[in-house]
């Protein structure tokens, strides 16, 4: 079904729809049963966005099909694939890391609660409230974007008065446990 006469417009719009569908599927931990399975495995191994692997693997297949059959349609398909991968990466954000800085008066309780539900290292730094002069702790940890909801629930349950600052992390050097690693 053509939505428009312009094949490029159809390619871009089709890529948006496909990317949205695949992105939501992957975000919920499922698979479409295609090349995304291989892309997910590679993404977990290298801790990179799934879209780049999805693009490379499918581009090879499309390039070969275009070489054997119709090169022009293969090029339009590559446009669709590129748009699809950009939308997938915008929705599927498992590779994105965040740094959480939690200022709390219940550091030990919060650390135990976090460790009971998440396997992440936590750095505890002594702090003092500038307004109240009361002793506090700053718990600092790096998490994936998927873990943010769990962390928010834990903090809310243990210390509803805690102050939490979440910042996007651009890089990590050193050990960061991935979801598929065993203790």
N, C-alpha and C. Protein backbone atom coordinates (compact mmCIF):
# COMPACT_ATOMS: atom_id res chain seq x y z
N UNK A 1 0.84 -1.17 0.00
CA UNK A 1 0.00 0.00 0.00
C UNK A 1 0.89 1.24 0.00
N UNK A 2 0.70 2.13 -0.94
CA UNK A 2 1.43 3.39 -0.99
C UNK A 2 0.61 4.48 -0.32
N UNK A 3 1.22 5.15 0.61
CA UNK A 3 0.56 6.28 1.26
C UNK A 3 0.74 7.55 0.44
N UNK A 4 1.81 7.59 -0.32
CA UNK A 4 2.11 8.77 -1.14
C UNK A 4 2.76 8.29 -2.43
N UNK A 5 2.78 9.15 -3.42
CA UNK A 5 3.41 8.82 -4.70
C UNK A 5 4.93 8.86 -4.60
N UNK A 6 5.45 9.64 -3.68
CA UNK A 6 6.90 9.80 -3.51
C UNK A 6 7.45 8.59 -2.75
N UNK A 7 8.31 7.81 -3.42
CA UNK A 7 8.85 6.59 -2.81
C UNK A 7 9.76 6.91 -1.61
N UNK A 8 10.45 8.05 -1.66
CA UNK A 8 11.31 8.43 -0.55
C UNK A 8 10.49 8.75 0.70
N UNK A 9 9.38 9.44 0.51
CA UNK A 9 8.48 9.73 1.63
C UNK A 9 7.94 8.43 2.23
N UNK A 10 7.57 7.49 1.39
CA UNK A 10 7.11 6.19 1.87
C UNK A 10 8.22 5.46 2.63
N UNK A 11 9.46 5.55 2.13
CA UNK A 11 10.59 4.88 2.78
C UNK A 11 10.82 5.44 4.18
N UNK A 12 10.78 6.77 4.30
CA UNK A 12 11.01 7.40 5.61
C UNK A 12 9.87 7.08 6.57
N UNK A 13 8.64 7.24 6.12
CA UNK A 13 7.50 6.96 6.99
C UNK A 13 7.46 5.48 7.39
N UNK A 14 7.76 4.61 6.45
CA UNK A 14 7.82 3.17 6.76
C UNK A 14 8.89 2.86 7.78
N UNK A 15 10.03 3.56 7.68
CA UNK A 15 11.10 3.38 8.65
C UNK A 15 10.70 3.82 10.05
N UNK A 16 9.94 4.92 10.12
CA UNK A 16 9.46 5.39 11.42
C UNK A 16 8.52 4.37 12.05
N UNK A 17 7.58 3.87 11.26
CA UNK A 17 6.62 2.88 11.79
C UNK A 17 7.33 1.59 12.21
N UNK A 18 8.23 1.10 11.36
CA UNK A 18 8.95 -0.13 11.68
C UNK A 18 9.83 0.07 12.92
N UNK A 19 10.53 1.20 12.99
CA UNK A 19 11.40 1.47 14.13
C UNK A 19 10.62 1.57 15.42
N UNK A 20 9.44 2.20 15.36
CA UNK A 20 8.61 2.31 16.55
C UNK A 20 8.18 0.92 17.03
N UNK A 21 7.74 0.08 16.10
CA UNK A 21 7.30 -1.27 16.46
C UNK A 21 8.43 -2.11 17.04
N UNK A 22 9.58 -2.11 16.37
CA UNK A 22 10.72 -2.90 16.85
C UNK A 22 11.26 -2.31 18.16
N UNK A 23 11.33 -0.99 18.24
CA UNK A 23 11.85 -0.34 19.46
C UNK A 23 11.02 -0.67 20.68
N UNK A 24 9.70 -0.61 20.55
CA UNK A 24 8.82 -0.95 21.68
C UNK A 24 8.97 -2.43 22.04
N UNK A 25 9.06 -3.27 21.03
CA UNK A 25 9.24 -4.71 21.27
C UNK A 25 10.52 -4.97 22.05
N UNK A 26 11.62 -4.37 21.62
CA UNK A 26 12.90 -4.57 22.30
C UNK A 26 12.91 -3.94 23.70
N UNK A 27 12.26 -2.80 23.85
CA UNK A 27 12.22 -2.13 25.15
C UNK A 27 11.57 -3.01 26.21
N UNK A 28 10.60 -3.80 25.80
CA UNK A 28 9.92 -4.69 26.74
C UNK A 28 10.58 -6.05 26.84
N UNK A 29 11.78 -6.19 26.25
CA UNK A 29 12.56 -7.41 26.40
C UNK A 29 12.16 -8.53 25.47
N UNK A 30 11.37 -8.25 24.45
CA UNK A 30 10.95 -9.27 23.50
C UNK A 30 11.77 -9.14 22.22
N UNK A 31 11.42 -9.93 21.23
CA UNK A 31 12.13 -9.91 19.96
C UNK A 31 11.13 -10.09 18.82
N UNK A 32 11.49 -9.58 17.66
CA UNK A 32 10.64 -9.78 16.49
C UNK A 32 10.97 -11.10 15.80
N UNK A 33 12.00 -11.78 16.28
CA UNK A 33 12.37 -13.08 15.73
C UNK A 33 13.25 -12.98 14.51
N UNK A 34 13.69 -11.79 14.15
CA UNK A 34 14.54 -11.61 12.98
C UNK A 34 15.97 -11.34 13.37
N UNK A 35 16.60 -10.48 12.60
CA UNK A 35 18.00 -10.15 12.81
C UNK A 35 18.22 -9.40 14.13
N UNK A 36 17.15 -8.94 14.74
CA UNK A 36 17.31 -8.21 16.01
C UNK A 36 17.85 -9.11 17.12
N UNK A 37 17.67 -10.41 17.00
CA UNK A 37 18.21 -11.33 18.01
C UNK A 37 19.74 -11.27 17.99
N UNK A 38 20.31 -11.36 16.79
CA UNK A 38 21.76 -11.28 16.65
C UNK A 38 22.25 -9.90 17.09
N UNK A 39 21.52 -8.86 16.71
CA UNK A 39 21.89 -7.49 17.09
C UNK A 39 21.85 -7.32 18.61
N UNK A 40 20.87 -7.93 19.28
CA UNK A 40 20.77 -7.84 20.74
C UNK A 40 21.97 -8.51 21.40
N UNK A 41 22.36 -9.68 20.89
CA UNK A 41 23.51 -10.38 21.45
C UNK A 41 24.77 -9.54 21.29
N UNK A 42 24.99 -9.01 20.10
CA UNK A 42 26.17 -8.17 19.87
C UNK A 42 26.14 -6.91 20.73
N UNK A 43 24.96 -6.34 20.90
CA UNK A 43 24.81 -5.14 21.72
C UNK A 43 25.17 -5.42 23.17
N UNK A 44 24.79 -6.57 23.66
CA UNK A 44 25.13 -6.93 25.05
C UNK A 44 26.61 -7.19 25.22
N UNK A 45 27.23 -7.80 24.22
CA UNK A 45 28.66 -8.10 24.30
C UNK A 45 29.48 -6.83 24.31
N UNK A 46 29.16 -5.91 23.44
CA UNK A 46 29.95 -4.68 23.28
C UNK A 46 29.37 -3.48 24.02
N UNK A 47 28.17 -3.60 24.59
CA UNK A 47 27.50 -2.52 25.30
C UNK A 47 27.39 -1.26 24.45
N UNK A 48 26.92 -1.45 23.24
CA UNK A 48 26.69 -0.38 22.28
C UNK A 48 25.22 -0.40 21.88
N UNK A 49 24.74 0.68 21.26
CA UNK A 49 23.34 0.71 20.83
C UNK A 49 23.01 -0.43 19.87
N UNK A 50 21.84 -0.99 20.02
CA UNK A 50 21.43 -2.11 19.18
C UNK A 50 21.25 -1.68 17.72
N UNK A 51 20.90 -0.42 17.51
CA UNK A 51 20.62 0.07 16.15
C UNK A 51 21.78 -0.07 15.20
N UNK A 52 23.01 0.15 15.67
CA UNK A 52 24.17 0.07 14.78
C UNK A 52 24.37 -1.35 14.27
N UNK A 53 24.16 -2.33 15.13
CA UNK A 53 24.29 -3.73 14.70
C UNK A 53 23.13 -4.11 13.78
N UNK A 54 21.96 -3.64 14.11
CA UNK A 54 20.78 -3.87 13.28
C UNK A 54 21.02 -3.31 11.87
N UNK A 55 21.59 -2.10 11.81
CA UNK A 55 21.87 -1.44 10.53
C UNK A 55 22.92 -2.21 9.73
N UNK A 56 24.01 -2.56 10.36
CA UNK A 56 25.10 -3.25 9.66
C UNK A 56 24.65 -4.61 9.13
N UNK A 57 24.05 -5.42 9.99
CA UNK A 57 23.64 -6.76 9.58
C UNK A 57 22.60 -6.74 8.45
N UNK A 58 21.59 -5.90 8.61
CA UNK A 58 20.55 -5.84 7.58
C UNK A 58 21.06 -5.16 6.31
N UNK A 59 21.99 -4.21 6.42
CA UNK A 59 22.55 -3.55 5.24
C UNK A 59 23.28 -4.53 4.36
N UNK A 60 23.98 -5.48 4.97
CA UNK A 60 24.69 -6.49 4.19
C UNK A 60 23.70 -7.29 3.35
N UNK A 61 22.60 -7.69 3.95
CA UNK A 61 21.58 -8.46 3.23
C UNK A 61 20.95 -7.61 2.12
N UNK A 62 20.62 -6.37 2.43
CA UNK A 62 20.00 -5.49 1.43
C UNK A 62 20.98 -5.18 0.30
N UNK A 63 22.25 -4.97 0.63
CA UNK A 63 23.25 -4.70 -0.40
C UNK A 63 23.36 -5.89 -1.36
N UNK A 64 23.41 -7.08 -0.81
CA UNK A 64 23.49 -8.28 -1.67
C UNK A 64 22.24 -8.44 -2.53
N UNK A 65 21.08 -8.19 -1.96
CA UNK A 65 19.84 -8.29 -2.74
C UNK A 65 19.82 -7.23 -3.84
N UNK A 66 20.28 -6.03 -3.53
CA UNK A 66 20.33 -4.97 -4.53
C UNK A 66 21.32 -5.27 -5.64
N UNK A 67 22.40 -5.89 -5.28
CA UNK A 67 23.43 -6.28 -6.26
C UNK A 67 22.89 -7.34 -7.21
N UNK A 68 22.08 -8.26 -6.67
CA UNK A 68 21.53 -9.34 -7.49
C UNK A 68 20.26 -8.94 -8.24
N UNK A 69 19.47 -8.04 -7.69
CA UNK A 69 18.16 -7.74 -8.28
C UNK A 69 18.03 -6.28 -8.71
N UNK A 70 17.49 -5.43 -7.87
CA UNK A 70 17.22 -4.04 -8.24
C UNK A 70 17.96 -3.07 -7.31
N UNK A 71 19.08 -2.50 -7.79
CA UNK A 71 19.88 -1.61 -6.94
C UNK A 71 19.11 -0.38 -6.44
N UNK A 72 18.26 0.20 -7.26
CA UNK A 72 17.54 1.41 -6.85
C UNK A 72 16.60 1.13 -5.68
N UNK A 73 15.88 0.03 -5.73
CA UNK A 73 14.98 -0.30 -4.62
C UNK A 73 15.76 -0.65 -3.36
N UNK A 74 16.94 -1.24 -3.54
CA UNK A 74 17.78 -1.54 -2.38
C UNK A 74 18.22 -0.24 -1.69
N UNK A 75 18.51 0.79 -2.49
CA UNK A 75 18.91 2.07 -1.90
C UNK A 75 17.76 2.69 -1.10
N UNK A 76 16.56 2.60 -1.61
CA UNK A 76 15.41 3.10 -0.85
C UNK A 76 15.19 2.28 0.42
N UNK A 77 15.43 1.00 0.31
CA UNK A 77 15.31 0.13 1.48
C UNK A 77 16.35 0.49 2.53
N UNK A 78 17.55 0.86 2.08
CA UNK A 78 18.58 1.30 3.02
C UNK A 78 18.18 2.59 3.74
N UNK A 79 17.47 3.49 3.04
CA UNK A 79 16.96 4.70 3.68
C UNK A 79 15.96 4.30 4.77
N UNK A 80 15.06 3.38 4.43
CA UNK A 80 14.08 2.89 5.41
C UNK A 80 14.80 2.28 6.61
N UNK A 81 15.81 1.47 6.34
CA UNK A 81 16.56 0.81 7.40
C UNK A 81 17.26 1.82 8.30
N UNK A 82 17.85 2.86 7.71
CA UNK A 82 18.53 3.88 8.50
C UNK A 82 17.54 4.58 9.44
N UNK A 83 16.41 4.97 8.91
CA UNK A 83 15.39 5.64 9.74
C UNK A 83 14.92 4.69 10.83
N UNK A 84 14.71 3.44 10.48
CA UNK A 84 14.28 2.42 11.45
C UNK A 84 15.26 2.32 12.62
N UNK A 85 16.55 2.26 12.31
CA UNK A 85 17.55 2.10 13.37
C UNK A 85 17.63 3.35 14.25
N UNK A 86 17.45 4.52 13.68
CA UNK A 86 17.47 5.75 14.49
C UNK A 86 16.29 5.76 15.47
N UNK A 87 15.13 5.33 15.01
CA UNK A 87 13.95 5.29 15.88
C UNK A 87 14.13 4.20 16.95
N UNK A 88 14.67 3.05 16.56
CA UNK A 88 14.92 1.97 17.53
C UNK A 88 15.83 2.48 18.65
N UNK A 89 16.93 3.14 18.27
CA UNK A 89 17.86 3.63 19.29
C UNK A 89 17.25 4.71 20.16
N UNK A 90 16.33 5.49 19.61
CA UNK A 90 15.66 6.52 20.41
C UNK A 90 14.74 5.89 21.45
N UNK A 91 14.15 4.75 21.12
CA UNK A 91 13.21 4.08 22.03
C UNK A 91 13.92 3.09 22.94
N UNK A 92 14.79 2.29 22.37
CA UNK A 92 15.51 1.25 23.11
C UNK A 92 16.80 1.85 23.65
N UNK A 93 16.83 2.12 24.94
CA UNK A 93 17.94 2.88 25.52
C UNK A 93 18.73 2.10 26.56
N UNK A 94 18.78 0.80 26.43
CA UNK A 94 19.46 -0.02 27.44
C UNK A 94 20.93 0.36 27.59
N UNK A 95 21.59 0.76 26.52
CA UNK A 95 23.02 1.06 26.58
C UNK A 95 23.32 2.38 27.28
N UNK A 96 22.33 3.23 27.47
CA UNK A 96 22.57 4.53 28.08
C UNK A 96 22.79 4.38 29.58
N UNK A 97 23.80 5.06 30.05
CA UNK A 97 24.14 5.02 31.47
C UNK A 97 23.78 6.34 32.13
N UNK A 98 23.39 6.26 33.38
CA UNK A 98 23.05 7.42 34.18
C UNK A 98 23.83 7.34 35.49
N UNK A 99 24.16 8.50 36.03
CA UNK A 99 24.77 8.53 37.35
C UNK A 99 23.72 9.10 38.31
N UNK A 100 23.47 8.34 39.37
CA UNK A 100 22.51 8.76 40.39
C UNK A 100 23.29 9.20 41.62
N UNK A 101 22.99 10.40 42.10
CA UNK A 101 23.57 10.91 43.34
C UNK A 101 22.41 11.13 44.30
N UNK A 102 22.39 10.34 45.35
CA UNK A 102 21.27 10.34 46.29
C UNK A 102 21.76 10.89 47.63
N UNK A 103 21.17 12.00 48.06
CA UNK A 103 21.51 12.58 49.36
C UNK A 103 20.46 12.09 50.34
N UNK A 104 20.91 11.37 51.38
CA UNK A 104 19.98 10.72 52.29
C UNK A 104 20.51 10.73 53.72
N UNK A 105 19.60 10.63 54.64
CA UNK A 105 19.94 10.46 56.05
C UNK A 105 19.89 9.00 56.44
N UNK A 106 19.51 8.14 55.52
CA UNK A 106 19.39 6.69 55.77
C UNK A 106 20.28 5.91 54.81
N UNK A 107 21.54 6.25 54.80
CA UNK A 107 22.49 5.65 53.86
C UNK A 107 22.60 4.14 53.93
N UNK A 108 22.75 3.60 55.15
CA UNK A 108 22.90 2.14 55.29
C UNK A 108 21.65 1.40 54.85
N UNK A 109 20.48 1.89 55.27
CA UNK A 109 19.22 1.24 54.89
C UNK A 109 19.02 1.29 53.37
N UNK A 110 19.32 2.43 52.79
CA UNK A 110 19.12 2.59 51.35
C UNK A 110 20.11 1.73 50.56
N UNK A 111 21.34 1.67 51.03
CA UNK A 111 22.34 0.82 50.36
C UNK A 111 21.91 -0.63 50.39
N UNK A 112 21.44 -1.11 51.54
CA UNK A 112 20.98 -2.50 51.64
C UNK A 112 19.78 -2.76 50.74
N UNK A 113 18.85 -1.82 50.69
CA UNK A 113 17.66 -1.99 49.84
C UNK A 113 18.03 -2.01 48.37
N UNK A 114 18.95 -1.15 47.96
CA UNK A 114 19.39 -1.12 46.56
C UNK A 114 20.09 -2.43 46.22
N UNK A 115 21.00 -2.87 47.07
CA UNK A 115 21.73 -4.11 46.81
C UNK A 115 20.83 -5.34 46.81
N UNK A 116 19.71 -5.28 47.53
CA UNK A 116 18.80 -6.44 47.54
C UNK A 116 18.05 -6.59 46.21
N UNK A 117 17.93 -5.50 45.45
CA UNK A 117 17.17 -5.57 44.20
C UNK A 117 18.00 -5.29 42.95
N UNK A 118 19.16 -4.70 43.12
CA UNK A 118 20.01 -4.34 41.98
C UNK A 118 21.44 -4.77 42.27
N UNK A 119 22.17 -5.14 41.24
CA UNK A 119 23.57 -5.50 41.42
C UNK A 119 24.40 -4.36 40.83
N UNK A 120 24.63 -3.36 41.64
CA UNK A 120 25.39 -2.18 41.23
C UNK A 120 26.29 -1.76 42.38
N UNK A 121 27.45 -1.27 42.05
CA UNK A 121 28.34 -0.72 43.06
C UNK A 121 27.82 0.65 43.49
N UNK A 122 28.02 0.97 44.75
CA UNK A 122 27.58 2.25 45.29
C UNK A 122 28.75 2.86 46.05
N UNK A 123 29.03 4.11 45.79
CA UNK A 123 30.04 4.84 46.53
C UNK A 123 29.33 5.75 47.52
N UNK A 124 29.75 5.66 48.79
CA UNK A 124 29.15 6.47 49.85
C UNK A 124 30.12 7.59 50.21
N UNK A 125 29.61 8.82 50.17
CA UNK A 125 30.43 9.98 50.49
C UNK A 125 29.74 10.74 51.63
N UNK A 126 30.47 11.05 52.71
CA UNK A 126 29.86 11.82 53.78
C UNK A 126 29.44 13.21 53.27
N UNK A 127 28.30 13.68 53.73
CA UNK A 127 27.80 14.99 53.31
C UNK A 127 27.14 15.67 54.50
N UNK A 128 26.91 16.95 54.35
CA UNK A 128 26.26 17.71 55.42
C UNK A 128 25.30 18.69 54.76
N UNK A 129 24.08 18.75 55.27
CA UNK A 129 23.10 19.70 54.75
C UNK A 129 23.53 21.12 55.04
N UNK A 130 23.65 21.95 54.02
CA UNK A 130 24.12 23.33 54.21
C UNK A 130 23.10 24.16 54.97
N UNK A 131 21.84 23.90 54.78
CA UNK A 131 20.79 24.68 55.46
C UNK A 131 20.58 24.18 56.89
N UNK A 132 20.49 22.84 57.04
CA UNK A 132 20.18 22.27 58.36
C UNK A 132 21.42 21.93 59.17
N UNK A 133 22.57 21.81 58.52
CA UNK A 133 23.82 21.41 59.16
C UNK A 133 23.78 19.97 59.67
N UNK A 134 22.78 19.19 59.22
CA UNK A 134 22.65 17.79 59.65
C UNK A 134 23.52 16.89 58.78
N UNK A 135 24.08 15.85 59.41
CA UNK A 135 24.90 14.91 58.63
C UNK A 135 24.04 14.09 57.66
N UNK A 136 24.56 13.87 56.49
CA UNK A 136 23.89 13.09 55.44
C UNK A 136 24.95 12.21 54.77
N UNK A 137 24.47 11.38 53.86
CA UNK A 137 25.37 10.61 53.01
C UNK A 137 24.97 10.85 51.57
N UNK A 138 25.96 10.88 50.70
CA UNK A 138 25.66 10.92 49.28
C UNK A 138 26.03 9.55 48.72
N UNK A 139 25.03 8.86 48.20
CA UNK A 139 25.26 7.58 47.55
C UNK A 139 25.34 7.85 46.05
N UNK A 140 26.43 7.42 45.45
CA UNK A 140 26.62 7.65 44.03
C UNK A 140 26.76 6.31 43.32
N UNK A 141 26.00 6.16 42.23
CA UNK A 141 26.05 4.90 41.49
C UNK A 141 25.73 5.14 40.02
N UNK A 142 26.25 4.28 39.17
CA UNK A 142 25.96 4.34 37.74
C UNK A 142 25.01 3.21 37.42
N UNK A 143 23.93 3.55 36.71
CA UNK A 143 22.90 2.57 36.36
C UNK A 143 22.58 2.69 34.87
N UNK A 144 21.85 1.72 34.36
CA UNK A 144 21.32 1.85 33.00
C UNK A 144 19.99 2.59 33.08
N UNK A 145 19.56 3.13 31.97
CA UNK A 145 18.30 3.87 31.95
C UNK A 145 17.14 2.96 32.36
N UNK A 146 17.23 1.66 32.05
CA UNK A 146 16.17 0.72 32.42
C UNK A 146 16.05 0.56 33.92
N UNK A 147 17.14 0.76 34.65
CA UNK A 147 17.13 0.56 36.09
C UNK A 147 16.62 1.78 36.85
N UNK A 148 16.44 2.89 36.16
CA UNK A 148 16.03 4.13 36.82
C UNK A 148 14.71 3.98 37.55
N UNK A 149 13.73 3.36 36.94
CA UNK A 149 12.42 3.20 37.58
C UNK A 149 12.56 2.40 38.88
N UNK A 150 13.30 1.30 38.84
CA UNK A 150 13.50 0.49 40.05
C UNK A 150 14.18 1.31 41.15
N UNK A 151 15.19 2.08 40.77
CA UNK A 151 15.90 2.89 41.76
C UNK A 151 14.96 3.93 42.38
N UNK A 152 14.14 4.57 41.56
CA UNK A 152 13.19 5.56 42.09
C UNK A 152 12.25 4.93 43.10
N UNK A 153 11.76 3.73 42.82
CA UNK A 153 10.85 3.06 43.74
C UNK A 153 11.53 2.70 45.05
N UNK A 154 12.76 2.24 44.98
CA UNK A 154 13.51 1.87 46.18
C UNK A 154 13.73 3.11 47.06
N UNK A 155 14.19 4.20 46.44
CA UNK A 155 14.46 5.43 47.20
C UNK A 155 13.18 5.95 47.84
N UNK A 156 12.10 5.94 47.07
CA UNK A 156 10.81 6.43 47.59
C UNK A 156 10.34 5.58 48.77
N UNK A 157 10.58 4.29 48.72
CA UNK A 157 10.15 3.38 49.78
C UNK A 157 10.99 3.54 51.04
N UNK A 158 12.31 3.65 50.90
CA UNK A 158 13.21 3.68 52.05
C UNK A 158 13.33 5.08 52.64
N UNK A 159 13.49 6.09 51.81
CA UNK A 159 13.65 7.46 52.30
C UNK A 159 12.94 8.44 51.36
N UNK A 160 11.66 8.67 51.61
CA UNK A 160 10.90 9.58 50.75
C UNK A 160 11.42 11.01 50.76
N UNK A 161 12.24 11.36 51.76
CA UNK A 161 12.79 12.71 51.84
C UNK A 161 14.16 12.83 51.18
N UNK A 162 14.64 11.76 50.59
CA UNK A 162 15.95 11.80 49.94
C UNK A 162 15.89 12.71 48.71
N UNK A 163 17.03 13.33 48.44
CA UNK A 163 17.17 14.17 47.24
C UNK A 163 18.01 13.39 46.25
N UNK A 164 17.49 13.20 45.05
CA UNK A 164 18.20 12.41 44.05
C UNK A 164 18.44 13.25 42.81
N UNK A 165 19.68 13.26 42.36
CA UNK A 165 20.06 13.94 41.13
C UNK A 165 20.51 12.88 40.13
N UNK A 166 19.89 12.88 38.96
CA UNK A 166 20.23 11.93 37.91
C UNK A 166 20.87 12.71 36.77
N UNK A 167 22.06 12.30 36.38
CA UNK A 167 22.75 12.94 35.26
C UNK A 167 23.13 11.89 34.22
N UNK A 168 23.12 12.30 32.97
CA UNK A 168 23.50 11.39 31.89
C UNK A 168 25.01 11.19 31.93
N UNK A 169 25.43 9.96 31.79
CA UNK A 169 26.84 9.61 31.84
C UNK A 169 27.34 9.37 30.43
N UNK A 170 28.39 10.08 30.05
CA UNK A 170 28.89 9.96 28.68
C UNK A 170 29.92 8.86 28.51
N UNK A 171 30.54 8.43 29.59
CA UNK A 171 31.52 7.36 29.48
C UNK A 171 31.84 6.77 30.83
N UNK A 172 32.27 5.52 30.79
CA UNK A 172 32.65 4.82 32.02
C UNK A 172 33.97 4.12 31.76
N UNK A 173 34.91 4.25 32.69
CA UNK A 173 36.16 3.52 32.63
C UNK A 173 36.19 2.63 33.85
N UNK A 174 36.53 1.39 33.67
CA UNK A 174 36.55 0.46 34.79
C UNK A 174 35.39 -0.51 34.69
N UNK A 175 35.15 -1.21 35.77
CA UNK A 175 34.17 -2.29 35.77
C UNK A 175 32.75 -1.76 35.89
N UNK A 176 31.90 -2.19 34.99
CA UNK A 176 30.46 -1.91 35.06
C UNK A 176 29.76 -3.20 34.72
N UNK A 177 29.04 -3.76 35.68
CA UNK A 177 28.38 -5.04 35.48
C UNK A 177 27.26 -4.92 34.45
N UNK A 178 27.28 -5.82 33.47
CA UNK A 178 26.23 -5.87 32.47
C UNK A 178 25.16 -6.84 32.95
N UNK A 179 23.96 -6.72 32.40
CA UNK A 179 22.82 -7.54 32.84
C UNK A 179 23.08 -9.03 32.71
N UNK A 180 23.83 -9.45 31.71
CA UNK A 180 23.99 -10.88 31.45
C UNK A 180 25.17 -11.49 32.20
N UNK A 181 25.90 -10.70 32.99
CA UNK A 181 27.03 -11.24 33.74
C UNK A 181 26.56 -11.89 35.02
N UNK A 182 27.21 -12.95 35.39
CA UNK A 182 26.90 -13.66 36.63
C UNK A 182 27.86 -13.22 37.71
N UNK A 183 27.40 -13.31 38.93
CA UNK A 183 28.27 -12.95 40.06
C UNK A 183 29.26 -14.04 40.35
